[in-house]
C-alpha atoms as a PDB file:
ATOM      1  CA  MET A   1     -19.896 -11.839  -0.495  1.00  0.00           C
ATOM      2  CA  ALA A   2     -22.605 -11.564  -3.108  1.00  0.00           C
ATOM      3  CA  THR A   3     -21.495 -10.635  -6.599  1.00  0.00           C
ATOM      4  CA  LYS A   4     -23.151  -8.816  -9.449  1.00  0.00           C
ATOM      5  CA  LYS A   5     -22.087  -8.605 -13.070  1.00  0.00           C
ATOM      6  CA  TYR A   6     -21.171  -5.139 -14.412  1.00  0.00           C
ATOM      7  CA  THR A   7     -20.053  -3.921 -17.790  1.00  0.00           C
ATOM      8  CA  VAL A   8     -16.957  -1.741 -17.809  1.00  0.00           C
ATOM      9  CA  THR A   9     -14.906  -0.336 -20.645  1.00  0.00           C
ATOM     10  CA  LEU A  10     -11.139  -0.869 -20.451  1.00  0.00           C
ATOM     11  CA  PRO A  11      -8.319  -0.103 -22.837  1.00  0.00           C
ATOM     12  CA  GLU A  12      -8.004  -3.255 -24.942  1.00  0.00           C
ATOM     13  CA  GLU A  13      -4.229  -3.578 -24.617  1.00  0.00           C
ATOM     14  CA  LEU A  14      -4.374  -3.311 -20.831  1.00  0.00           C
ATOM     15  CA  ALA A  15      -7.216  -5.808 -20.499  1.00  0.00           C
ATOM     16  CA  GLU A  16      -5.518  -8.336 -22.770  1.00  0.00           C
ATOM     17  CA  GLU A  17      -2.205  -7.916 -20.955  1.00  0.00           C
ATOM     18  CA  VAL A  18      -3.887  -8.694 -17.629  1.00  0.00           C
ATOM     19  CA  ARG A  19      -5.908 -11.579 -19.068  1.00  0.00           C
ATOM     20  CA  THR A  20      -2.726 -13.088 -20.511  1.00  0.00           C
ATOM     21  CA  GLU A  21      -0.927 -12.824 -17.165  1.00  0.00           C
ATOM     22  CA  VAL A  22      -3.701 -14.085 -14.875  1.00  0.00           C
ATOM     23  CA  GLY A  23      -5.748 -16.256 -17.229  1.00  0.00           C
ATOM     24  CA  PRO A  24      -9.372 -15.724 -18.241  1.00  0.00           C
ATOM     25  CA  GLY A  25     -10.781 -17.318 -15.068  1.00  0.00           C
ATOM     26  CA  ALA A  26      -8.908 -14.951 -12.743  1.00  0.00           C
ATOM     27  CA  PHE A  27      -9.599 -11.696 -14.592  1.00  0.00           C
ATOM     28  CA  SER A  28     -12.567 -10.663 -12.433  1.00  0.00           C
ATOM     29  CA  ALA A  29     -10.685 -11.450  -9.218  1.00  0.00           C
ATOM     30  CA  TYR A  30      -7.745  -9.371 -10.435  1.00  0.00           C
ATOM     31  CA  VAL A  31      -9.981  -6.407 -11.250  1.00  0.00           C
ATOM     32  CA  THR A  32     -11.737  -6.765  -7.884  1.00  0.00           C
ATOM     33  CA  ARG A  33      -8.392  -6.657  -6.020  1.00  0.00           C
ATOM     34  CA  ALA A  34      -7.323  -3.625  -8.054  1.00  0.00           C
ATOM     35  CA  ILE A  35     -10.531  -1.769  -7.171  1.00  0.00           C
ATOM     36  CA  GLU A  36     -10.162  -2.709  -3.493  1.00  0.00           C
ATOM     37  CA  ARG A  37      -6.585  -1.359  -3.452  1.00  0.00           C
ATOM     38  CA  GLN A  38      -7.697   1.852  -5.146  1.00  0.00           C
ATOM     39  CA  ARG A  39     -10.473   2.327  -2.573  1.00  0.00           C
ATOM     40  CA  GLU A  40      -7.923   1.855   0.238  1.00  0.00           C
ATOM     41  CA  HIS A  41      -5.650   4.398  -1.458  1.00  0.00           C
ATOM     42  CA  ASP A  42      -8.522   6.864  -1.783  1.00  0.00           C
ATOM     43  CA  ARG A  43      -9.484   6.471   1.886  1.00  0.00           C
ATOM     44  CA  LEU A  44      -5.869   6.955   2.978  1.00  0.00           C
ATOM     45  CA  GLY A  45      -5.741  10.119   0.863  1.00  0.00           C
ATOM     46  CA  GLU A  46      -8.876  11.388   2.578  1.00  0.00           C
ATOM     47  CA  LEU A  47      -7.308  10.662   5.976  1.00  0.00           C
ATOM     48  CA  VAL A  48      -4.117  12.501   5.029  1.00  0.00           C
ATOM     49  CA  ASP A  49      -6.143  15.495   3.856  1.00  0.00           C
ATOM     50  CA  ARG A  50      -8.127  15.537   7.099  1.00  0.00           C
ATOM     51  CA  LEU A  51      -5.026  15.204   9.293  1.00  0.00           C
ATOM     52  CA  GLU A  52      -3.130  17.860   7.337  1.00  0.00           C
ATOM     53  CA  GLY A  53      -6.156  20.152   7.689  1.00  0.00           C
ATOM     54  CA  GLU A  54      -6.096  19.607  11.439  1.00  0.00           C
ATOM     55  CA  TYR A  55      -2.330  19.512  12.099  1.00  0.00           C
ATOM     56  CA  GLY A  56      -0.770  21.128   9.038  1.00  0.00           C
ATOM     57  CA  PRO A  57       1.206  19.576   6.198  1.00  0.00           C
ATOM     58  CA  VAL A  58       3.966  17.043   6.707  1.00  0.00           C
ATOM     59  CA  THR A  59       7.320  18.819   6.567  1.00  0.00           C
ATOM     60  CA  ASP A  60      10.563  17.640   4.997  1.00  0.00           C
ATOM     61  CA  ALA A  61      11.945  17.289   8.530  1.00  0.00           C
ATOM     62  CA  ASP A  62       9.010  15.026   9.459  1.00  0.00           C
ATOM     63  CA  LEU A  63       9.672  12.880   6.397  1.00  0.00           C
ATOM     64  CA  ALA A  64      13.389  12.668   7.180  1.00  0.00           C
ATOM     65  CA  THR A  65      12.643  11.590  10.757  1.00  0.00           C
ATOM     66  CA  ALA A  66      10.180   8.955   9.584  1.00  0.00           C
ATOM     67  CA  GLU A  67      12.674   7.635   7.016  1.00  0.00           C
ATOM     68  CA  ALA A  68      15.418   7.393   9.669  1.00  0.00           C
ATOM     69  CA  GLU A  69      13.046   5.475  11.949  1.00  0.00           C
ATOM     70  CA  ARG A  70      12.086   3.154   9.079  1.00  0.00           C
ATOM     71  CA  ARG A  71      15.739   2.405   8.382  1.00  0.00           C
ATOM     72  CA  GLU A  72      16.354   1.724  12.080  1.00  0.00           C
ATOM     73  CA  ILE A  73      13.450  -0.724  12.194  1.00  0.00           C
ATOM     74  CA  GLU A  74      14.678  -2.394   9.005  1.00  0.00           C
ATOM     75  CA  ARG A  75      18.165  -2.818  10.520  1.00  0.00           C
ATOM     76  CA  TRP A  76      16.632  -4.245  13.679  1.00  0.00           C
ATOM     77  CA  PHE A  77      14.736  -6.893  11.716  1.00  0.00           C
ATOM     78  CA  GLU A  78      17.837  -7.736   9.704  1.00  0.00           C
ATOM     79  CA  GLN A  79      19.765  -8.247  12.955  1.00  0.00           C
ATOM     80  CA  GLN A  80      17.132 -10.476  14.573  1.00  0.00           C
ATOM     81  CA  GLY A  81      18.822 -13.604  13.292  1.00  0.00           C
ATOM     82  CA  ALA A  82      21.965 -12.569  15.187  1.00  0.00           C
ATOM     83  CA  GLY A  83      20.054 -11.916  18.415  1.00  0.00           C
ATOM     84  CA  ALA A  84      20.772  -8.176  18.298  1.00  0.00           C
ATOM     85  CA  VAL A  85      18.601  -5.622  20.103  1.00  0.00           C
ATOM     86  CA  PRO A  86      17.913  -2.166  18.571  1.00  0.00           C
ATOM     87  CA  ARG A  87      19.554   0.847  20.154  1.00  0.00           C
ATOM     88  CA  GLY A  88      17.662   2.141  23.173  1.00  0.00           C
ATOM     89  CA  LYS A  89      15.595  -1.043  23.473  1.00  0.00           C
ATOM     90  CA  ALA A  90      15.798  -3.536  26.307  1.00  0.00           C
ATOM     91  CA  ALA A  91      15.687  -7.223  25.506  1.00  0.00           C
END
């Protein structure tokens, strides 16, 4: 990917904290990854807005169901070492 140099203004403390953690040679790569993650976050937000406009907002019941499913999947992965199969799933 081609690169181009830009000038940005950052809070000094934040920039120095990052530079200290990643080193001066990795600062641009760190900022690039941060911008990429923010763009992904923004696009996901746009998708959520579009889906909620089409199907309505996510309810507390929807969130509870999704959380229960997440926990079930997590348990399944934890049990993989023991050869267990999740409830309702055939081996």
